[in-house]
Amino acid sequence: MRLARDILVFVHLVGFAALLGGALVQLGDRVKVVNTAMLRGALTVVVSGIALVGVLEGLDEAVDRSKVVAKFAVALVIGLLCWVNRSRSRVPRGLFGASA
C-alpha cells in the first residue's frame, strides 16, 4: 500500500507539472488556449488526488478532510474550466489565469 501511495503522489505531481507546463509554454503568446497538456494534467490531478485519498484511508493515516475537500474543489474547478474551454480557439486572459 505504501508503494501505491508513493506512485500516486508521483502521478499527482506529474499532473500538476503538466498543467503548469502547458500554461507556462503560452506565456509569450497573444492568443491563449487550453492545450492538451493542461487538460490532461488537470484531469490527472483530480483523478490521482481522489485515488490518493482512498489509499491514505486504507492505510489508516490521518486525513484532514476539510483540507481534502478544499483542494478537491479547487482542482475540480480548474479541471472543469479546462474541460469546458478545450475546444475554443481563444480563451480570455482572466479565464486562462484562473485555469493555470
N, C-alpha and C. Protein backbone atom coordinates (compact mmCIF):
# COMPACT_ATOMS: atom_id res chain seq x y z
N MET A 1 0.81 -1.19 0.00
CA MET A 1 0.00 0.00 0.00
C MET A 1 0.86 1.26 0.00
N ARG A 2 1.99 1.21 0.66
CA ARG A 2 2.85 2.39 0.69
C ARG A 2 3.44 2.65 -0.69
N LEU A 3 3.71 1.60 -1.44
CA LEU A 3 4.19 1.76 -2.80
C LEU A 3 3.11 2.42 -3.66
N ALA A 4 1.88 2.02 -3.48
CA ALA A 4 0.76 2.63 -4.21
C ALA A 4 0.64 4.11 -3.86
N ARG A 5 0.82 4.44 -2.59
CA ARG A 5 0.77 5.85 -2.18
C ARG A 5 1.88 6.64 -2.84
N ASP A 6 3.09 6.09 -2.85
CA ASP A 6 4.22 6.79 -3.46
C ASP A 6 4.03 6.98 -4.96
N ILE A 7 3.50 5.97 -5.63
CA ILE A 7 3.24 6.07 -7.06
C ILE A 7 2.17 7.12 -7.33
N LEU A 8 1.11 7.13 -6.53
CA LEU A 8 0.05 8.11 -6.72
C LEU A 8 0.52 9.54 -6.44
N VAL A 9 1.38 9.70 -5.46
CA VAL A 9 1.94 11.04 -5.20
C VAL A 9 2.76 11.49 -6.41
N PHE A 10 3.54 10.58 -6.98
CA PHE A 10 4.34 10.91 -8.15
C PHE A 10 3.44 11.28 -9.34
N VAL A 11 2.40 10.50 -9.58
CA VAL A 11 1.47 10.78 -10.68
C VAL A 11 0.76 12.12 -10.45
N HIS A 12 0.40 12.39 -9.21
CA HIS A 12 -0.25 13.65 -8.86
C HIS A 12 0.67 14.83 -9.17
N LEU A 13 1.93 14.72 -8.82
CA LEU A 13 2.89 15.79 -9.09
C LEU A 13 3.17 15.94 -10.58
N VAL A 14 3.19 14.83 -11.31
CA VAL A 14 3.38 14.90 -12.76
C VAL A 14 2.19 15.60 -13.40
N GLY A 15 0.99 15.32 -12.92
CA GLY A 15 -0.20 16.01 -13.45
C GLY A 15 -0.14 17.50 -13.21
N PHE A 16 0.29 17.89 -12.01
CA PHE A 16 0.43 19.32 -11.71
C PHE A 16 1.50 19.95 -12.60
N ALA A 17 2.59 19.23 -12.82
CA ALA A 17 3.66 19.74 -13.68
C ALA A 17 3.17 19.90 -15.12
N ALA A 18 2.35 18.97 -15.59
CA ALA A 18 1.80 19.08 -16.95
C ALA A 18 0.87 20.28 -17.06
N LEU A 19 0.03 20.47 -16.05
CA LEU A 19 -0.87 21.63 -16.06
C LEU A 19 -0.10 22.93 -16.06
N LEU A 20 0.86 23.05 -15.19
CA LEU A 20 1.67 24.26 -15.10
C LEU A 20 2.54 24.45 -16.33
N GLY A 21 3.14 23.38 -16.82
CA GLY A 21 3.99 23.47 -18.01
C GLY A 21 3.21 23.87 -19.24
N GLY A 22 2.00 23.33 -19.39
CA GLY A 22 1.16 23.72 -20.52
C GLY A 22 0.77 25.18 -20.48
N ALA A 23 0.62 25.73 -19.29
CA ALA A 23 0.30 27.15 -19.16
C ALA A 23 1.54 28.01 -19.37
N LEU A 24 2.68 27.59 -18.85
CA LEU A 24 3.90 28.38 -18.98
C LEU A 24 4.40 28.46 -20.42
N VAL A 25 4.11 27.45 -21.21
CA VAL A 25 4.52 27.46 -22.61
C VAL A 25 3.86 28.61 -23.35
N GLN A 26 2.68 29.02 -22.92
CA GLN A 26 1.91 30.03 -23.62
C GLN A 26 2.08 31.45 -23.08
N LEU A 27 2.97 31.65 -22.16
CA LEU A 27 3.10 32.97 -21.56
C LEU A 27 3.40 34.07 -22.57
N GLY A 28 4.20 33.80 -23.56
CA GLY A 28 4.56 34.81 -24.54
C GLY A 28 3.55 34.95 -25.67
N ASP A 29 2.63 34.04 -25.81
CA ASP A 29 1.66 34.08 -26.91
C ASP A 29 0.57 35.10 -26.65
N ARG A 30 0.09 35.70 -27.72
CA ARG A 30 -1.02 36.64 -27.58
C ARG A 30 -2.34 35.89 -27.41
N VAL A 31 -2.50 34.82 -28.15
CA VAL A 31 -3.73 34.03 -28.09
C VAL A 31 -3.51 32.86 -27.14
N LYS A 32 -4.31 32.83 -26.10
CA LYS A 32 -4.21 31.75 -25.10
C LYS A 32 -5.27 30.70 -25.39
N VAL A 33 -4.89 29.44 -25.30
CA VAL A 33 -5.82 28.32 -25.48
C VAL A 33 -5.56 27.30 -24.38
N VAL A 34 -6.51 26.42 -24.20
CA VAL A 34 -6.31 25.29 -23.29
C VAL A 34 -5.71 24.17 -24.13
N ASN A 35 -4.42 23.90 -23.92
CA ASN A 35 -3.78 22.86 -24.72
C ASN A 35 -3.96 21.49 -24.08
N THR A 36 -3.50 20.48 -24.77
CA THR A 36 -3.69 19.11 -24.32
C THR A 36 -2.98 18.84 -23.00
N ALA A 37 -1.81 19.42 -22.81
CA ALA A 37 -1.08 19.20 -21.56
C ALA A 37 -1.86 19.74 -20.37
N MET A 38 -2.46 20.91 -20.54
CA MET A 38 -3.24 21.49 -19.44
C MET A 38 -4.46 20.62 -19.13
N LEU A 39 -5.18 20.18 -20.16
CA LEU A 39 -6.37 19.37 -19.94
C LEU A 39 -6.03 18.05 -19.28
N ARG A 40 -5.07 17.35 -19.82
CA ARG A 40 -4.70 16.05 -19.25
C ARG A 40 -4.07 16.19 -17.87
N GLY A 41 -3.32 17.25 -17.66
CA GLY A 41 -2.74 17.49 -16.35
C GLY A 41 -3.80 17.74 -15.30
N ALA A 42 -4.81 18.56 -15.65
CA ALA A 42 -5.88 18.85 -14.70
C ALA A 42 -6.68 17.60 -14.36
N LEU A 43 -6.99 16.81 -15.37
CA LEU A 43 -7.73 15.57 -15.12
C LEU A 43 -6.91 14.57 -14.32
N THR A 44 -5.61 14.52 -14.58
CA THR A 44 -4.73 13.64 -13.82
C THR A 44 -4.67 14.04 -12.35
N VAL A 45 -4.61 15.33 -12.10
CA VAL A 45 -4.56 15.81 -10.71
C VAL A 45 -5.84 15.42 -9.97
N VAL A 46 -6.99 15.59 -10.60
CA VAL A 46 -8.26 15.27 -9.94
C VAL A 46 -8.36 13.78 -9.66
N VAL A 47 -8.09 12.96 -10.67
CA VAL A 47 -8.25 11.50 -10.51
C VAL A 47 -7.22 10.94 -9.54
N SER A 48 -5.97 11.36 -9.66
CA SER A 48 -4.95 10.82 -8.76
C SER A 48 -5.15 11.32 -7.33
N GLY A 49 -5.69 12.52 -7.17
CA GLY A 49 -5.99 13.02 -5.83
C GLY A 49 -7.07 12.20 -5.14
N ILE A 50 -8.11 11.86 -5.89
CA ILE A 50 -9.17 11.02 -5.32
C ILE A 50 -8.61 9.65 -4.94
N ALA A 51 -7.82 9.07 -5.83
CA ALA A 51 -7.23 7.76 -5.54
C ALA A 51 -6.27 7.83 -4.36
N LEU A 52 -5.54 8.91 -4.25
CA LEU A 52 -4.60 9.08 -3.16
C LEU A 52 -5.30 9.14 -1.81
N VAL A 53 -6.42 9.85 -1.76
CA VAL A 53 -7.18 9.91 -0.51
C VAL A 53 -7.71 8.52 -0.16
N GLY A 54 -8.15 7.77 -1.16
CA GLY A 54 -8.62 6.41 -0.91
C GLY A 54 -7.52 5.51 -0.35
N VAL A 55 -6.33 5.63 -0.90
CA VAL A 55 -5.21 4.83 -0.41
C VAL A 55 -4.82 5.24 1.01
N LEU A 56 -4.82 6.54 1.27
CA LEU A 56 -4.49 7.01 2.62
C LEU A 56 -5.52 6.54 3.64
N GLU A 57 -6.78 6.52 3.25
CA GLU A 57 -7.81 5.99 4.15
C GLU A 57 -7.57 4.50 4.40
N GLY A 58 -7.15 3.78 3.37
CA GLY A 58 -6.87 2.36 3.52
C GLY A 58 -5.67 2.08 4.40
N LEU A 59 -4.73 3.00 4.44
CA LEU A 59 -3.55 2.85 5.29
C LEU A 59 -3.80 3.32 6.72
N ASP A 60 -4.99 3.79 7.00
CA ASP A 60 -5.35 4.33 8.32
C ASP A 60 -4.47 5.50 8.73
N GLU A 61 -4.06 6.29 7.76
CA GLU A 61 -3.31 7.50 8.06
C GLU A 61 -4.30 8.63 8.31
N ALA A 62 -3.89 9.59 9.09
CA ALA A 62 -4.77 10.72 9.41
C ALA A 62 -4.95 11.58 8.16
N VAL A 63 -6.20 11.80 7.80
CA VAL A 63 -6.54 12.61 6.64
C VAL A 63 -7.39 13.78 7.11
N ASP A 64 -6.91 14.99 6.87
CA ASP A 64 -7.67 16.18 7.23
C ASP A 64 -8.71 16.41 6.13
N ARG A 65 -9.94 16.04 6.41
CA ARG A 65 -10.97 16.04 5.37
C ARG A 65 -11.32 17.44 4.90
N SER A 66 -11.24 18.43 5.77
CA SER A 66 -11.54 19.79 5.33
C SER A 66 -10.50 20.27 4.31
N LYS A 67 -9.24 19.91 4.52
CA LYS A 67 -8.19 20.27 3.58
C LYS A 67 -8.38 19.53 2.25
N VAL A 68 -8.78 18.27 2.34
CA VAL A 68 -9.00 17.46 1.14
C VAL A 68 -10.16 18.03 0.33
N VAL A 69 -11.24 18.43 1.00
CA VAL A 69 -12.39 18.99 0.30
C VAL A 69 -12.02 20.31 -0.38
N ALA A 70 -11.25 21.14 0.28
CA ALA A 70 -10.84 22.42 -0.31
C ALA A 70 -9.95 22.19 -1.53
N LYS A 71 -9.00 21.29 -1.42
CA LYS A 71 -8.12 21.00 -2.55
C LYS A 71 -8.88 20.36 -3.70
N PHE A 72 -9.82 19.47 -3.37
CA PHE A 72 -10.63 18.84 -4.40
C PHE A 72 -11.48 19.86 -5.12
N ALA A 73 -12.05 20.81 -4.38
CA ALA A 73 -12.88 21.84 -5.01
C ALA A 73 -12.07 22.70 -5.97
N VAL A 74 -10.88 23.09 -5.57
CA VAL A 74 -10.02 23.90 -6.44
C VAL A 74 -9.61 23.09 -7.68
N ALA A 75 -9.20 21.84 -7.48
CA ALA A 75 -8.79 21.01 -8.61
C ALA A 75 -9.96 20.73 -9.55
N LEU A 76 -11.14 20.54 -8.99
CA LEU A 76 -12.31 20.28 -9.81
C LEU A 76 -12.69 21.51 -10.64
N VAL A 77 -12.62 22.69 -10.04
CA VAL A 77 -12.92 23.91 -10.79
C VAL A 77 -11.92 24.10 -11.92
N ILE A 78 -10.65 23.90 -11.65
CA ILE A 78 -9.63 24.03 -12.69
C ILE A 78 -9.85 22.99 -13.78
N GLY A 79 -10.14 21.76 -13.39
CA GLY A 79 -10.42 20.72 -14.36
C GLY A 79 -11.63 21.03 -15.23
N LEU A 80 -12.69 21.55 -14.61
CA LEU A 80 -13.88 21.91 -15.37
C LEU A 80 -13.63 23.09 -16.31
N LEU A 81 -12.85 24.08 -15.85
CA LEU A 81 -12.51 25.20 -16.72
C LEU A 81 -11.72 24.72 -17.95
N CYS A 82 -10.80 23.82 -17.73
CA CYS A 82 -10.02 23.29 -18.85
C CYS A 82 -10.91 22.45 -19.77
N TRP A 83 -11.79 21.64 -19.20
CA TRP A 83 -12.65 20.78 -20.00
C TRP A 83 -13.63 21.59 -20.85
N VAL A 84 -14.25 22.59 -20.26
CA VAL A 84 -15.25 23.39 -20.98
C VAL A 84 -14.60 24.22 -22.08
N ASN A 85 -13.42 24.73 -21.84
CA ASN A 85 -12.77 25.64 -22.79
C ASN A 85 -11.76 24.95 -23.71
N ARG A 86 -11.76 23.65 -23.74
CA ARG A 86 -10.76 22.93 -24.52
C ARG A 86 -10.92 23.11 -26.02
N SER A 87 -12.12 23.34 -26.51
CA SER A 87 -12.34 23.43 -27.95
C SER A 87 -12.40 24.88 -28.45
N ARG A 88 -12.29 25.84 -27.58
CA ARG A 88 -12.31 27.24 -28.00
C ARG A 88 -10.98 27.61 -28.66
N SER A 89 -11.08 28.47 -29.65
CA SER A 89 -9.86 28.90 -30.35
C SER A 89 -9.15 30.02 -29.60
N ARG A 90 -9.83 30.62 -28.65
CA ARG A 90 -9.23 31.69 -27.85
C ARG A 90 -9.88 31.71 -26.47
N VAL A 91 -9.06 31.83 -25.44
CA VAL A 91 -9.55 31.88 -24.07
C VAL A 91 -9.18 33.25 -23.50
N PRO A 92 -10.11 33.96 -22.85
CA PRO A 92 -9.77 35.26 -22.26
C PRO A 92 -8.65 35.14 -21.22
N ARG A 93 -7.90 36.21 -21.06
CA ARG A 93 -6.75 36.22 -20.15
C ARG A 93 -7.12 35.82 -18.72
N GLY A 94 -8.20 36.40 -18.21
CA GLY A 94 -8.61 36.11 -16.84
C GLY A 94 -8.98 34.65 -16.65
N LEU A 95 -9.68 34.10 -17.61
CA LEU A 95 -10.07 32.70 -17.55
C LEU A 95 -8.85 31.80 -17.67
N PHE A 96 -7.92 32.20 -18.52
CA PHE A 96 -6.69 31.43 -18.65
C PHE A 96 -5.89 31.46 -17.35
N GLY A 97 -5.84 32.62 -16.72
CA GLY A 97 -5.13 32.74 -15.45
C GLY A 97 -5.79 31.93 -14.35
N ALA A 98 -7.10 31.83 -14.39
CA ALA A 98 -7.80 31.04 -13.39
C ALA A 98 -7.61 29.55 -13.59
N SER A 99 -7.44 29.14 -14.82
CA SER A 99 -7.28 27.70 -15.08
C SER A 99 -5.83 27.24 -15.02
N ALA A 100 -4.91 28.17 -14.91
CA ALA A 100 -3.50 27.77 -14.88
C ALA A 100 -2.96 27.82 -13.51
